[in-house]
N, C-alpha and C. Protein backbone atom coordinates (compact mmCIF):
# COMPACT_ATOMS: atom_id res chain seq x y z
N UNK A 1 111.33 82.51 96.30
CA UNK A 1 110.04 83.19 96.55
C UNK A 1 109.91 83.51 98.04
N UNK A 2 109.56 84.77 98.36
CA UNK A 2 109.37 85.16 99.75
C UNK A 2 108.22 84.36 100.36
N UNK A 3 108.35 84.02 101.62
CA UNK A 3 107.28 83.30 102.30
C UNK A 3 106.01 84.16 102.28
N UNK A 4 104.87 83.59 101.88
CA UNK A 4 103.62 84.36 101.82
C UNK A 4 103.19 84.86 103.20
N UNK A 5 102.35 85.89 103.18
CA UNK A 5 101.82 86.46 104.42
C UNK A 5 100.41 85.94 104.66
N UNK A 6 100.12 85.66 105.91
CA UNK A 6 98.82 85.10 106.30
C UNK A 6 97.79 86.21 106.48
N UNK A 7 96.58 85.97 105.97
CA UNK A 7 95.47 86.91 106.16
C UNK A 7 94.19 86.11 106.33
N UNK A 8 93.38 86.46 107.31
CA UNK A 8 92.16 85.72 107.62
C UNK A 8 90.94 86.43 107.05
N UNK A 9 90.12 85.69 106.34
CA UNK A 9 88.84 86.19 105.82
C UNK A 9 87.78 85.16 106.16
N UNK A 10 86.71 85.59 106.83
CA UNK A 10 85.60 84.69 107.17
C UNK A 10 86.10 83.40 107.83
N UNK A 11 87.05 83.55 108.74
CA UNK A 11 87.63 82.45 109.50
C UNK A 11 88.38 81.45 108.62
N UNK A 12 88.68 81.87 107.38
CA UNK A 12 89.48 81.06 106.48
C UNK A 12 90.86 81.69 106.32
N UNK A 13 91.84 80.86 106.02
CA UNK A 13 93.23 81.32 105.91
C UNK A 13 93.61 81.52 104.45
N UNK A 14 94.08 82.74 104.16
CA UNK A 14 94.57 83.07 102.82
C UNK A 14 96.03 83.47 102.93
N UNK A 15 96.84 82.98 102.01
CA UNK A 15 98.27 83.28 101.99
C UNK A 15 98.55 84.21 100.82
N UNK A 16 99.04 85.41 101.13
CA UNK A 16 99.27 86.44 100.10
C UNK A 16 100.70 86.32 99.58
N UNK A 17 100.82 86.24 98.27
CA UNK A 17 102.12 86.05 97.64
C UNK A 17 102.61 87.32 96.97
N UNK A 18 103.91 87.54 97.02
CA UNK A 18 104.51 88.67 96.32
C UNK A 18 104.41 88.51 94.81
N UNK A 19 104.00 87.33 94.34
CA UNK A 19 103.79 87.10 92.92
C UNK A 19 102.39 87.54 92.49
N UNK A 20 101.70 88.32 93.35
CA UNK A 20 100.43 88.97 93.01
C UNK A 20 99.26 87.99 92.91
N UNK A 21 99.22 87.03 93.79
CA UNK A 21 98.10 86.11 93.87
C UNK A 21 97.99 85.66 95.32
N UNK A 22 96.96 84.89 95.66
CA UNK A 22 96.85 84.38 97.02
C UNK A 22 96.28 82.97 97.01
N UNK A 23 96.59 82.25 98.07
CA UNK A 23 96.21 80.85 98.19
C UNK A 23 95.21 80.69 99.32
N UNK A 24 94.08 80.06 99.01
CA UNK A 24 93.02 79.80 99.98
C UNK A 24 93.26 78.40 100.54
N UNK A 25 93.73 78.35 101.77
CA UNK A 25 94.20 77.10 102.34
C UNK A 25 93.11 76.04 102.44
N UNK A 26 91.95 76.43 102.97
CA UNK A 26 90.88 75.45 103.20
C UNK A 26 90.35 74.83 101.90
N UNK A 27 90.35 75.58 100.83
CA UNK A 27 89.82 75.09 99.55
C UNK A 27 90.92 74.64 98.60
N UNK A 28 92.19 74.74 99.06
CA UNK A 28 93.33 74.39 98.20
C UNK A 28 93.21 75.07 96.83
N UNK A 29 92.92 76.40 96.90
CA UNK A 29 92.66 77.16 95.68
C UNK A 29 93.63 78.33 95.55
N UNK A 30 94.22 78.46 94.39
CA UNK A 30 95.04 79.62 94.07
C UNK A 30 94.13 80.64 93.40
N UNK A 31 94.19 81.90 93.84
CA UNK A 31 93.29 82.94 93.34
C UNK A 31 94.12 84.07 92.75
N UNK A 32 93.76 84.50 91.54
CA UNK A 32 94.47 85.58 90.87
C UNK A 32 93.50 86.37 90.01
N UNK A 33 93.92 87.57 89.64
CA UNK A 33 93.08 88.45 88.81
C UNK A 33 93.93 89.11 87.73
N UNK A 34 93.32 89.38 86.61
CA UNK A 34 93.92 90.24 85.58
C UNK A 34 95.28 89.74 85.12
N UNK A 35 95.30 88.53 84.57
CA UNK A 35 96.53 87.98 84.02
C UNK A 35 96.81 88.55 82.62
N UNK A 36 95.76 88.88 81.89
CA UNK A 36 95.87 89.53 80.58
C UNK A 36 96.82 88.79 79.64
N UNK A 37 96.73 87.47 79.63
CA UNK A 37 97.56 86.69 78.72
C UNK A 37 97.23 87.05 77.27
N UNK A 38 98.26 87.20 76.47
CA UNK A 38 98.08 87.58 75.06
C UNK A 38 98.13 89.07 74.82
N UNK A 39 98.28 89.87 75.88
CA UNK A 39 98.25 91.32 75.71
C UNK A 39 99.44 91.82 74.89
N UNK A 40 100.63 91.27 75.16
CA UNK A 40 101.80 91.75 74.42
C UNK A 40 101.67 91.40 72.93
N UNK A 41 101.11 90.21 72.63
CA UNK A 41 100.89 89.84 71.24
C UNK A 41 99.88 90.75 70.58
N UNK A 42 98.86 91.16 71.32
CA UNK A 42 97.84 92.09 70.81
C UNK A 42 98.49 93.43 70.45
N UNK A 43 99.41 93.91 71.29
CA UNK A 43 100.09 95.17 71.01
C UNK A 43 100.98 95.04 69.78
N UNK A 44 101.67 93.90 69.65
CA UNK A 44 102.56 93.73 68.50
C UNK A 44 101.77 93.67 67.20
N UNK A 45 100.58 93.06 67.24
CA UNK A 45 99.73 93.02 66.04
C UNK A 45 99.30 94.42 65.64
N UNK A 46 99.28 95.32 66.62
CA UNK A 46 98.90 96.71 66.34
C UNK A 46 100.11 97.57 65.97
N UNK A 47 101.29 96.94 65.85
CA UNK A 47 102.48 97.68 65.43
C UNK A 47 103.30 98.25 66.56
N UNK A 48 102.98 97.88 67.81
CA UNK A 48 103.72 98.38 68.97
C UNK A 48 104.69 97.30 69.41
N UNK A 49 105.97 97.61 69.41
CA UNK A 49 107.02 96.60 69.62
C UNK A 49 107.18 96.27 71.10
N UNK A 50 106.27 95.46 71.62
CA UNK A 50 106.36 95.02 73.01
C UNK A 50 107.00 93.63 73.01
N UNK A 51 108.08 93.43 73.78
CA UNK A 51 108.77 92.13 73.75
C UNK A 51 107.91 91.00 74.30
N UNK A 52 107.96 89.84 73.65
CA UNK A 52 107.19 88.68 74.07
C UNK A 52 107.67 88.15 75.42
N UNK A 53 108.90 88.50 75.80
CA UNK A 53 109.46 88.01 77.07
C UNK A 53 108.61 88.42 78.26
N UNK A 54 107.88 89.55 78.15
CA UNK A 54 107.03 90.00 79.25
C UNK A 54 105.95 88.97 79.54
N UNK A 55 105.31 88.48 78.47
CA UNK A 55 104.26 87.47 78.62
C UNK A 55 104.84 86.17 79.15
N UNK A 56 105.98 85.76 78.61
CA UNK A 56 106.60 84.51 79.04
C UNK A 56 106.97 84.56 80.52
N UNK A 57 107.42 85.73 80.99
CA UNK A 57 107.76 85.87 82.41
C UNK A 57 106.51 85.74 83.28
N UNK A 58 105.39 86.32 82.85
CA UNK A 58 104.13 86.19 83.61
C UNK A 58 103.69 84.73 83.66
N UNK A 59 103.79 84.04 82.53
CA UNK A 59 103.38 82.64 82.49
C UNK A 59 104.30 81.79 83.37
N UNK A 60 105.60 82.09 83.37
CA UNK A 60 106.53 81.36 84.20
C UNK A 60 106.25 81.60 85.68
N UNK A 61 105.84 82.82 86.04
CA UNK A 61 105.48 83.12 87.43
C UNK A 61 104.27 82.30 87.84
N UNK A 62 103.31 82.14 86.94
CA UNK A 62 102.13 81.33 87.26
C UNK A 62 102.55 79.87 87.48
N UNK A 63 103.44 79.38 86.63
CA UNK A 63 103.94 78.03 86.82
C UNK A 63 104.60 77.89 88.18
N UNK A 64 105.39 78.89 88.56
CA UNK A 64 106.14 78.83 89.83
C UNK A 64 105.20 78.79 91.03
N UNK A 65 104.15 79.63 91.03
CA UNK A 65 103.26 79.65 92.19
C UNK A 65 102.41 78.39 92.26
N UNK A 66 102.06 77.81 91.11
CA UNK A 66 101.34 76.54 91.12
C UNK A 66 102.23 75.45 91.70
N UNK A 67 103.49 75.44 91.33
CA UNK A 67 104.43 74.46 91.89
C UNK A 67 104.64 74.67 93.38
N UNK A 68 104.61 75.93 93.82
CA UNK A 68 104.85 76.25 95.24
C UNK A 68 103.66 75.85 96.11
N UNK A 69 102.46 76.28 95.71
CA UNK A 69 101.28 76.02 96.55
C UNK A 69 100.64 74.66 96.29
N UNK A 70 100.85 74.12 95.10
CA UNK A 70 100.23 72.84 94.70
C UNK A 70 98.72 72.85 94.89
N UNK A 71 98.03 73.83 94.29
CA UNK A 71 96.57 73.92 94.46
C UNK A 71 95.85 72.82 93.69
N UNK A 72 94.62 72.57 94.11
CA UNK A 72 93.75 71.66 93.38
C UNK A 72 92.89 72.42 92.38
N UNK A 73 92.77 73.73 92.58
CA UNK A 73 91.97 74.54 91.66
C UNK A 73 92.56 75.94 91.55
N UNK A 74 92.32 76.56 90.42
CA UNK A 74 92.77 77.92 90.14
C UNK A 74 91.54 78.76 89.87
N UNK A 75 91.37 79.84 90.64
CA UNK A 75 90.22 80.73 90.49
C UNK A 75 90.72 82.07 89.95
N UNK A 76 90.21 82.46 88.78
CA UNK A 76 90.60 83.72 88.14
C UNK A 76 89.42 84.68 88.20
N UNK A 77 89.62 85.83 88.84
CA UNK A 77 88.53 86.81 88.94
C UNK A 77 88.58 87.79 87.77
N UNK A 78 88.58 87.24 86.58
CA UNK A 78 88.45 88.05 85.38
C UNK A 78 89.74 88.42 84.67
N UNK A 79 89.59 88.62 83.35
CA UNK A 79 90.67 89.02 82.45
C UNK A 79 91.85 88.05 82.49
N UNK A 80 91.52 86.77 82.35
CA UNK A 80 92.56 85.77 82.16
C UNK A 80 93.29 86.04 80.85
N UNK A 81 92.52 86.39 79.82
CA UNK A 81 93.09 86.74 78.53
C UNK A 81 92.78 88.21 78.23
N UNK A 82 93.48 88.76 77.27
CA UNK A 82 93.35 90.20 77.03
C UNK A 82 92.40 90.53 75.88
N UNK A 83 92.39 89.70 74.85
CA UNK A 83 91.60 90.05 73.68
C UNK A 83 91.37 88.79 72.86
N UNK A 84 91.31 88.93 71.55
CA UNK A 84 91.13 87.78 70.67
C UNK A 84 92.37 86.90 70.68
N UNK A 85 92.21 85.67 70.21
CA UNK A 85 93.31 84.71 70.23
C UNK A 85 94.46 85.17 69.35
N UNK A 86 95.68 84.93 69.81
CA UNK A 86 96.87 85.15 69.01
C UNK A 86 97.87 84.05 69.35
N UNK A 87 99.03 84.10 68.75
CA UNK A 87 100.00 83.00 68.89
C UNK A 87 100.47 82.82 70.33
N UNK A 88 100.39 83.87 71.14
CA UNK A 88 100.84 83.74 72.53
C UNK A 88 99.99 82.73 73.31
N UNK A 89 98.75 82.57 72.90
CA UNK A 89 97.89 81.63 73.62
C UNK A 89 98.30 80.19 73.39
N UNK A 90 99.13 79.95 72.37
CA UNK A 90 99.67 78.60 72.18
C UNK A 90 100.54 78.20 73.37
N UNK A 91 101.26 79.17 73.95
CA UNK A 91 102.07 78.89 75.14
C UNK A 91 101.16 78.51 76.31
N UNK A 92 100.04 79.21 76.43
CA UNK A 92 99.09 78.89 77.49
C UNK A 92 98.54 77.48 77.30
N UNK A 93 98.21 77.13 76.07
CA UNK A 93 97.66 75.81 75.80
C UNK A 93 98.65 74.72 76.19
N UNK A 94 99.94 74.93 75.93
CA UNK A 94 100.95 73.95 76.32
C UNK A 94 100.99 73.84 77.84
N UNK A 95 100.96 75.00 78.53
CA UNK A 95 100.95 75.00 80.00
C UNK A 95 99.72 74.26 80.51
N UNK A 96 98.57 74.49 79.87
CA UNK A 96 97.34 73.85 80.31
C UNK A 96 97.41 72.34 80.10
N UNK A 97 97.98 71.92 79.01
CA UNK A 97 98.11 70.48 78.74
C UNK A 97 99.02 69.81 79.77
N UNK A 98 100.04 70.53 80.20
CA UNK A 98 100.96 69.97 81.19
C UNK A 98 100.32 69.89 82.58
N UNK A 99 99.30 70.72 82.82
CA UNK A 99 98.62 70.74 84.13
C UNK A 99 97.13 70.48 83.93
N UNK A 100 96.83 69.44 83.19
CA UNK A 100 95.45 69.17 82.81
C UNK A 100 94.57 68.78 84.00
N UNK A 101 95.16 68.33 85.10
CA UNK A 101 94.35 67.92 86.26
C UNK A 101 93.96 69.11 87.14
N UNK A 102 94.55 70.27 86.90
CA UNK A 102 94.24 71.46 87.70
C UNK A 102 92.90 72.04 87.23
N UNK A 103 91.94 72.12 88.12
CA UNK A 103 90.63 72.67 87.78
C UNK A 103 90.73 74.19 87.72
N UNK A 104 90.21 74.79 86.65
CA UNK A 104 90.28 76.24 86.48
C UNK A 104 88.88 76.82 86.42
N UNK A 105 88.61 77.80 87.29
CA UNK A 105 87.37 78.57 87.26
C UNK A 105 87.70 79.98 86.78
N UNK A 106 86.96 80.47 85.81
CA UNK A 106 87.14 81.84 85.33
C UNK A 106 85.83 82.60 85.46
N UNK A 107 85.83 83.62 86.32
CA UNK A 107 84.72 84.57 86.36
C UNK A 107 85.04 85.62 85.31
N UNK A 108 84.30 85.63 84.22
CA UNK A 108 84.71 86.40 83.05
C UNK A 108 84.79 87.90 83.34
N UNK A 109 85.85 88.50 82.79
CA UNK A 109 86.04 89.94 82.87
C UNK A 109 85.75 90.58 81.52
N UNK A 110 85.88 91.88 81.44
CA UNK A 110 85.55 92.61 80.21
C UNK A 110 86.47 92.27 79.05
N UNK A 111 87.67 91.73 79.33
CA UNK A 111 88.59 91.37 78.25
C UNK A 111 88.47 89.91 77.83
N UNK A 112 87.70 89.13 78.55
CA UNK A 112 87.57 87.71 78.23
C UNK A 112 86.53 87.50 77.13
N UNK A 113 86.98 87.64 75.87
CA UNK A 113 86.04 87.64 74.74
C UNK A 113 86.29 86.49 73.78
N UNK A 114 87.08 85.50 74.19
CA UNK A 114 87.32 84.35 73.32
C UNK A 114 86.03 83.53 73.17
N UNK A 115 85.89 82.79 72.07
CA UNK A 115 84.69 81.97 71.88
C UNK A 115 84.53 80.94 72.99
N UNK A 116 83.29 80.59 73.27
CA UNK A 116 83.01 79.64 74.34
C UNK A 116 83.68 78.29 74.16
N UNK A 117 83.79 77.83 72.90
CA UNK A 117 84.40 76.52 72.68
C UNK A 117 85.90 76.54 72.95
N UNK A 118 86.53 77.72 72.86
CA UNK A 118 87.97 77.80 73.18
C UNK A 118 88.18 77.52 74.66
N UNK A 119 87.36 78.11 75.52
CA UNK A 119 87.47 77.85 76.95
C UNK A 119 87.17 76.39 77.25
N UNK A 120 86.16 75.85 76.60
CA UNK A 120 85.78 74.45 76.83
C UNK A 120 86.92 73.52 76.44
N UNK A 121 87.53 73.79 75.29
CA UNK A 121 88.64 72.97 74.81
C UNK A 121 89.83 73.05 75.77
N UNK A 122 89.98 74.19 76.45
CA UNK A 122 91.10 74.38 77.38
C UNK A 122 90.78 73.92 78.79
N UNK A 123 89.61 73.35 78.99
CA UNK A 123 89.25 72.84 80.31
C UNK A 123 89.06 73.93 81.34
N UNK A 124 88.45 75.04 80.92
CA UNK A 124 88.21 76.18 81.81
C UNK A 124 86.71 76.30 82.06
N UNK A 125 86.31 76.24 83.32
CA UNK A 125 84.89 76.39 83.67
C UNK A 125 84.56 77.87 83.76
N UNK A 126 83.58 78.28 82.98
CA UNK A 126 83.23 79.70 82.87
C UNK A 126 82.08 80.07 83.80
N UNK A 127 82.22 81.21 84.46
CA UNK A 127 81.14 81.83 85.23
C UNK A 127 80.95 83.22 84.63
N UNK A 128 79.79 83.48 84.10
CA UNK A 128 79.59 84.64 83.25
C UNK A 128 79.78 85.98 83.98
N UNK A 129 79.32 86.09 85.19
CA UNK A 129 79.37 87.38 85.88
C UNK A 129 79.89 87.27 87.30
N UNK A 130 79.53 86.20 87.99
CA UNK A 130 79.96 86.04 89.38
C UNK A 130 79.90 84.57 89.74
N UNK A 131 80.42 84.27 90.90
CA UNK A 131 80.44 82.87 91.36
C UNK A 131 80.65 82.88 92.87
N UNK A 132 79.92 82.04 93.57
CA UNK A 132 80.02 81.97 95.02
C UNK A 132 80.52 80.59 95.43
N UNK A 133 81.50 80.59 96.30
CA UNK A 133 82.02 79.35 96.88
C UNK A 133 82.04 79.53 98.39
N UNK A 134 81.14 78.82 99.06
CA UNK A 134 80.95 78.95 100.51
C UNK A 134 80.63 80.41 100.85
N UNK A 135 81.44 81.09 101.66
CA UNK A 135 81.13 82.47 102.06
C UNK A 135 81.84 83.51 101.21
N UNK A 136 82.45 83.09 100.10
CA UNK A 136 83.21 84.01 99.27
C UNK A 136 82.49 84.21 97.93
N UNK A 137 82.30 85.47 97.58
CA UNK A 137 81.63 85.87 96.34
C UNK A 137 82.68 86.43 95.39
N UNK A 138 82.86 85.78 94.25
CA UNK A 138 83.88 86.20 93.28
C UNK A 138 83.21 86.96 92.13
N UNK A 139 83.83 88.06 91.75
CA UNK A 139 83.39 88.79 90.57
C UNK A 139 84.60 89.53 90.00
N UNK A 140 84.44 90.11 88.82
CA UNK A 140 85.57 90.84 88.23
C UNK A 140 85.55 92.30 88.65
N UNK A 141 84.44 92.95 88.42
CA UNK A 141 84.33 94.40 88.68
C UNK A 141 83.21 94.63 89.69
N UNK A 142 83.58 94.97 90.91
CA UNK A 142 82.59 95.14 91.97
C UNK A 142 81.73 96.38 91.75
N UNK A 143 82.15 97.27 90.87
CA UNK A 143 81.34 98.47 90.60
C UNK A 143 80.35 98.24 89.46
N UNK A 144 80.42 97.07 88.82
CA UNK A 144 79.53 96.77 87.70
C UNK A 144 78.28 96.05 88.16
N UNK A 145 77.63 95.30 87.26
CA UNK A 145 76.40 94.57 87.60
C UNK A 145 76.58 93.60 88.76
N UNK A 146 77.81 93.08 88.92
CA UNK A 146 78.04 92.11 89.99
C UNK A 146 78.07 92.75 91.37
N UNK A 147 77.89 94.07 91.44
CA UNK A 147 77.90 94.75 92.74
C UNK A 147 76.69 94.36 93.59
N UNK A 148 75.67 93.80 92.95
CA UNK A 148 74.48 93.35 93.69
C UNK A 148 74.78 91.96 94.23
N UNK A 149 75.30 91.90 95.44
CA UNK A 149 75.69 90.63 96.03
C UNK A 149 74.44 89.92 96.56
N UNK A 150 74.26 88.67 96.20
CA UNK A 150 73.01 87.97 96.56
C UNK A 150 72.79 87.78 98.06
N UNK A 151 73.86 87.82 98.84
CA UNK A 151 73.75 87.60 100.28
C UNK A 151 74.69 88.57 100.98
N UNK A 152 74.17 89.40 101.85
CA UNK A 152 74.98 90.42 102.52
C UNK A 152 76.05 89.82 103.42
N UNK A 153 75.92 88.54 103.75
CA UNK A 153 76.90 87.89 104.62
C UNK A 153 78.14 87.43 103.85
N UNK A 154 78.07 87.49 102.53
CA UNK A 154 79.19 87.03 101.72
C UNK A 154 80.32 88.06 101.69
N UNK A 155 81.53 87.58 101.60
CA UNK A 155 82.70 88.45 101.43
C UNK A 155 83.08 88.39 99.95
N UNK A 156 83.24 89.53 99.32
CA UNK A 156 83.50 89.56 97.88
C UNK A 156 84.99 89.75 97.58
N UNK A 157 85.44 89.09 96.53
CA UNK A 157 86.81 89.22 96.03
C UNK A 157 86.73 89.56 94.55
N UNK A 158 87.40 90.63 94.15
CA UNK A 158 87.34 91.08 92.76
C UNK A 158 88.72 91.52 92.28
N UNK A 159 88.76 91.99 91.05
CA UNK A 159 89.98 92.51 90.46
C UNK A 159 89.66 93.80 89.71
N UNK A 160 90.03 93.84 88.43
CA UNK A 160 89.65 94.86 87.47
C UNK A 160 90.39 96.20 87.60
N UNK A 161 90.50 96.77 88.80
CA UNK A 161 91.04 98.13 88.89
C UNK A 161 92.56 98.17 89.02
N UNK A 162 93.20 97.01 89.23
CA UNK A 162 94.66 96.96 89.38
C UNK A 162 95.11 97.90 90.51
N UNK A 163 94.73 97.63 91.75
CA UNK A 163 94.96 98.59 92.84
C UNK A 163 96.44 98.83 93.12
N UNK A 164 96.72 100.06 93.54
CA UNK A 164 98.07 100.45 93.92
C UNK A 164 97.99 101.44 95.08
N UNK A 165 99.07 101.52 95.83
CA UNK A 165 99.15 102.43 96.98
C UNK A 165 100.32 103.38 96.77
N UNK A 166 100.14 104.63 97.16
CA UNK A 166 101.19 105.64 97.03
C UNK A 166 101.87 105.81 98.38
N UNK A 167 103.18 105.61 98.42
CA UNK A 167 103.95 105.72 99.66
C UNK A 167 104.96 106.84 99.54
N UNK A 168 105.05 107.65 100.58
CA UNK A 168 106.01 108.75 100.62
C UNK A 168 107.16 108.40 101.55
N UNK A 169 108.38 108.78 101.15
CA UNK A 169 109.56 108.54 101.97
C UNK A 169 110.31 109.83 102.25
N UNK A 170 111.48 109.69 102.81
CA UNK A 170 112.30 110.87 103.12
C UNK A 170 112.82 111.49 101.83
N UNK A 171 113.10 112.79 101.91
CA UNK A 171 113.68 113.48 100.78
C UNK A 171 112.79 113.53 99.56
N UNK A 172 111.50 113.68 99.77
CA UNK A 172 110.51 113.78 98.70
C UNK A 172 110.45 112.53 97.83
N UNK A 173 110.93 111.44 98.34
CA UNK A 173 110.84 110.19 97.59
C UNK A 173 109.42 109.64 97.68
N UNK A 174 108.98 109.03 96.60
CA UNK A 174 107.65 108.45 96.59
C UNK A 174 107.64 107.22 95.70
N UNK A 175 106.75 106.30 96.02
CA UNK A 175 106.62 105.07 95.28
C UNK A 175 105.14 104.78 95.03
N UNK A 176 104.87 104.21 93.89
CA UNK A 176 103.52 103.74 93.56
C UNK A 176 103.62 102.23 93.38
N UNK A 177 103.02 101.48 94.29
CA UNK A 177 103.21 100.04 94.33
C UNK A 177 101.89 99.29 94.18
N UNK A 178 101.88 98.20 93.41
CA UNK A 178 100.67 97.36 93.36
C UNK A 178 100.41 96.77 94.73
N UNK A 179 99.15 96.47 95.01
CA UNK A 179 98.82 96.02 96.37
C UNK A 179 97.58 95.14 96.39
N UNK A 180 97.45 94.39 97.48
CA UNK A 180 96.21 93.75 97.88
C UNK A 180 95.45 94.76 98.74
N UNK A 181 94.14 94.86 98.54
CA UNK A 181 93.35 95.83 99.30
C UNK A 181 92.16 95.10 99.93
N UNK A 182 92.11 95.10 101.26
CA UNK A 182 91.05 94.41 102.00
C UNK A 182 90.26 95.41 102.84
N UNK A 183 88.94 95.38 102.67
CA UNK A 183 88.06 96.13 103.56
C UNK A 183 87.29 95.11 104.40
N UNK A 184 86.35 95.58 105.18
CA UNK A 184 85.58 94.69 106.03
C UNK A 184 84.76 93.71 105.20
N UNK A 185 84.31 94.16 104.02
CA UNK A 185 83.36 93.35 103.25
C UNK A 185 83.88 92.85 101.90
N UNK A 186 85.00 93.40 101.44
CA UNK A 186 85.48 92.97 100.14
C UNK A 186 86.99 93.14 100.00
N UNK A 187 87.54 92.45 99.00
CA UNK A 187 88.97 92.53 98.70
C UNK A 187 89.13 92.79 97.21
N UNK A 188 90.18 93.54 96.88
CA UNK A 188 90.55 93.76 95.48
C UNK A 188 91.97 93.25 95.30
N UNK A 189 92.16 92.35 94.34
CA UNK A 189 93.46 91.76 94.11
C UNK A 189 94.29 92.60 93.15
N UNK A 190 95.60 92.56 93.32
CA UNK A 190 96.46 93.24 92.34
C UNK A 190 96.41 92.52 91.00
N UNK A 191 96.71 93.22 89.93
CA UNK A 191 96.82 92.57 88.63
C UNK A 191 97.99 91.60 88.66
N UNK A 192 97.75 90.36 88.25
CA UNK A 192 98.84 89.39 88.23
C UNK A 192 99.89 89.78 87.20
N UNK A 193 99.45 90.25 86.05
CA UNK A 193 100.39 90.66 85.01
C UNK A 193 101.13 91.92 85.42
N UNK A 194 102.41 91.96 85.14
CA UNK A 194 103.20 93.16 85.40
C UNK A 194 103.08 94.17 84.28
N UNK A 195 102.44 93.76 83.18
CA UNK A 195 102.27 94.64 82.03
C UNK A 195 100.88 95.28 82.07
N UNK A 196 100.62 96.01 83.15
CA UNK A 196 99.33 96.67 83.33
C UNK A 196 99.54 98.03 83.99
N UNK A 197 98.56 98.89 83.86
CA UNK A 197 98.55 100.13 84.62
C UNK A 197 98.02 99.86 86.03
N UNK A 198 97.96 100.90 86.85
CA UNK A 198 97.44 100.75 88.20
C UNK A 198 96.50 101.89 88.53
N UNK A 199 95.68 101.66 89.55
CA UNK A 199 94.73 102.68 90.03
C UNK A 199 94.97 102.89 91.52
N UNK A 200 95.24 104.12 91.90
CA UNK A 200 95.50 104.42 93.31
C UNK A 200 94.24 104.25 94.14
N UNK A 201 94.36 103.55 95.24
CA UNK A 201 93.24 103.38 96.17
C UNK A 201 93.37 104.41 97.30
N UNK A 202 92.28 104.60 98.00
CA UNK A 202 92.27 105.52 99.15
C UNK A 202 91.73 104.74 100.35
N UNK A 203 92.60 103.96 101.01
CA UNK A 203 92.13 103.13 102.12
C UNK A 203 91.59 103.95 103.28
N UNK A 204 90.62 103.37 103.95
CA UNK A 204 90.02 104.01 105.11
C UNK A 204 90.50 103.31 106.38
N UNK A 205 90.23 103.91 107.50
CA UNK A 205 90.62 103.33 108.78
C UNK A 205 90.00 101.94 108.92
N UNK A 206 90.82 100.99 109.29
CA UNK A 206 90.34 99.62 109.45
C UNK A 206 90.61 98.75 108.23
N UNK A 207 90.91 99.36 107.09
CA UNK A 207 91.25 98.58 105.90
C UNK A 207 92.66 98.02 106.03
N UNK A 208 92.93 96.96 105.30
CA UNK A 208 94.26 96.34 105.30
C UNK A 208 94.83 96.41 103.88
N UNK A 209 96.06 96.90 103.79
CA UNK A 209 96.73 97.04 102.50
C UNK A 209 98.09 96.34 102.58
N UNK A 210 98.36 95.51 101.59
CA UNK A 210 99.63 94.81 101.50
C UNK A 210 100.29 95.19 100.17
N UNK A 211 101.39 95.92 100.24
CA UNK A 211 102.07 96.39 99.04
C UNK A 211 103.10 95.38 98.56
N UNK A 212 103.42 95.46 97.28
CA UNK A 212 104.37 94.54 96.65
C UNK A 212 105.48 95.35 96.00
N UNK A 213 106.74 95.02 96.34
CA UNK A 213 107.89 95.70 95.76
C UNK A 213 109.09 94.77 95.74
N UNK A 214 109.77 94.73 94.60
CA UNK A 214 110.99 93.92 94.47
C UNK A 214 110.73 92.48 94.90
N UNK A 215 109.60 91.93 94.47
CA UNK A 215 109.22 90.55 94.78
C UNK A 215 109.11 90.29 96.28
N UNK A 216 108.78 91.34 97.02
CA UNK A 216 108.51 91.22 98.44
C UNK A 216 107.15 91.83 98.74
N UNK A 217 106.48 91.31 99.76
CA UNK A 217 105.18 91.81 100.15
C UNK A 217 105.23 92.23 101.60
N UNK A 218 104.58 93.36 101.92
CA UNK A 218 104.60 93.87 103.29
C UNK A 218 103.32 94.64 103.54
N UNK A 219 102.92 94.65 104.80
CA UNK A 219 101.69 95.38 105.18
C UNK A 219 102.01 96.86 105.35
N UNK A 220 101.13 97.69 104.82
CA UNK A 220 101.28 99.13 104.91
C UNK A 220 100.50 99.62 106.11
N UNK A 221 101.16 100.29 107.03
CA UNK A 221 100.50 100.77 108.24
C UNK A 221 99.81 102.11 107.97
């Protein structure tokens, strides 16, 4: 795993990982968005032959970053799961049982529609729309109801749009890469799952963008 890149928010240190998540040093918290666990199983139930290996690789990546950072808590800014329960969630349950001491916070996203008792049984603390920890305001979709931030001094972290940046190279070469997107007041995390679409962002002067390619992360100037 490439060494994470350091980024400061509200005088706190965050380590950005090429595995599409970041670690909040002061709170010993791993933060990720849009894992969409169970999505490949949902597609297969609909008759679309998506290999289960995609989901297993995402779950293994989560295991790897937990082992690397050794967080005390995991904060998910929405869409931990993709839809209704299917057999793929059995793999998640085994992972959860193996890491039962890890505290999990889920700020629910539009795809998080499992019954409340399922989350409770899995030891996941639910936050229906948003959640604030010190100076950080977590939500899933900053353009939705959670856009009304209770305190203007808070810095918001969200997901939902699966941000990407378009880069041009020599010889008409171009790349569309998932990225972390930081503005003065908010951040949008890349989708943790690799089985997702992306939305091109249009950064402004002063914004910070960190692109991800070939399991490497780099700042885009």
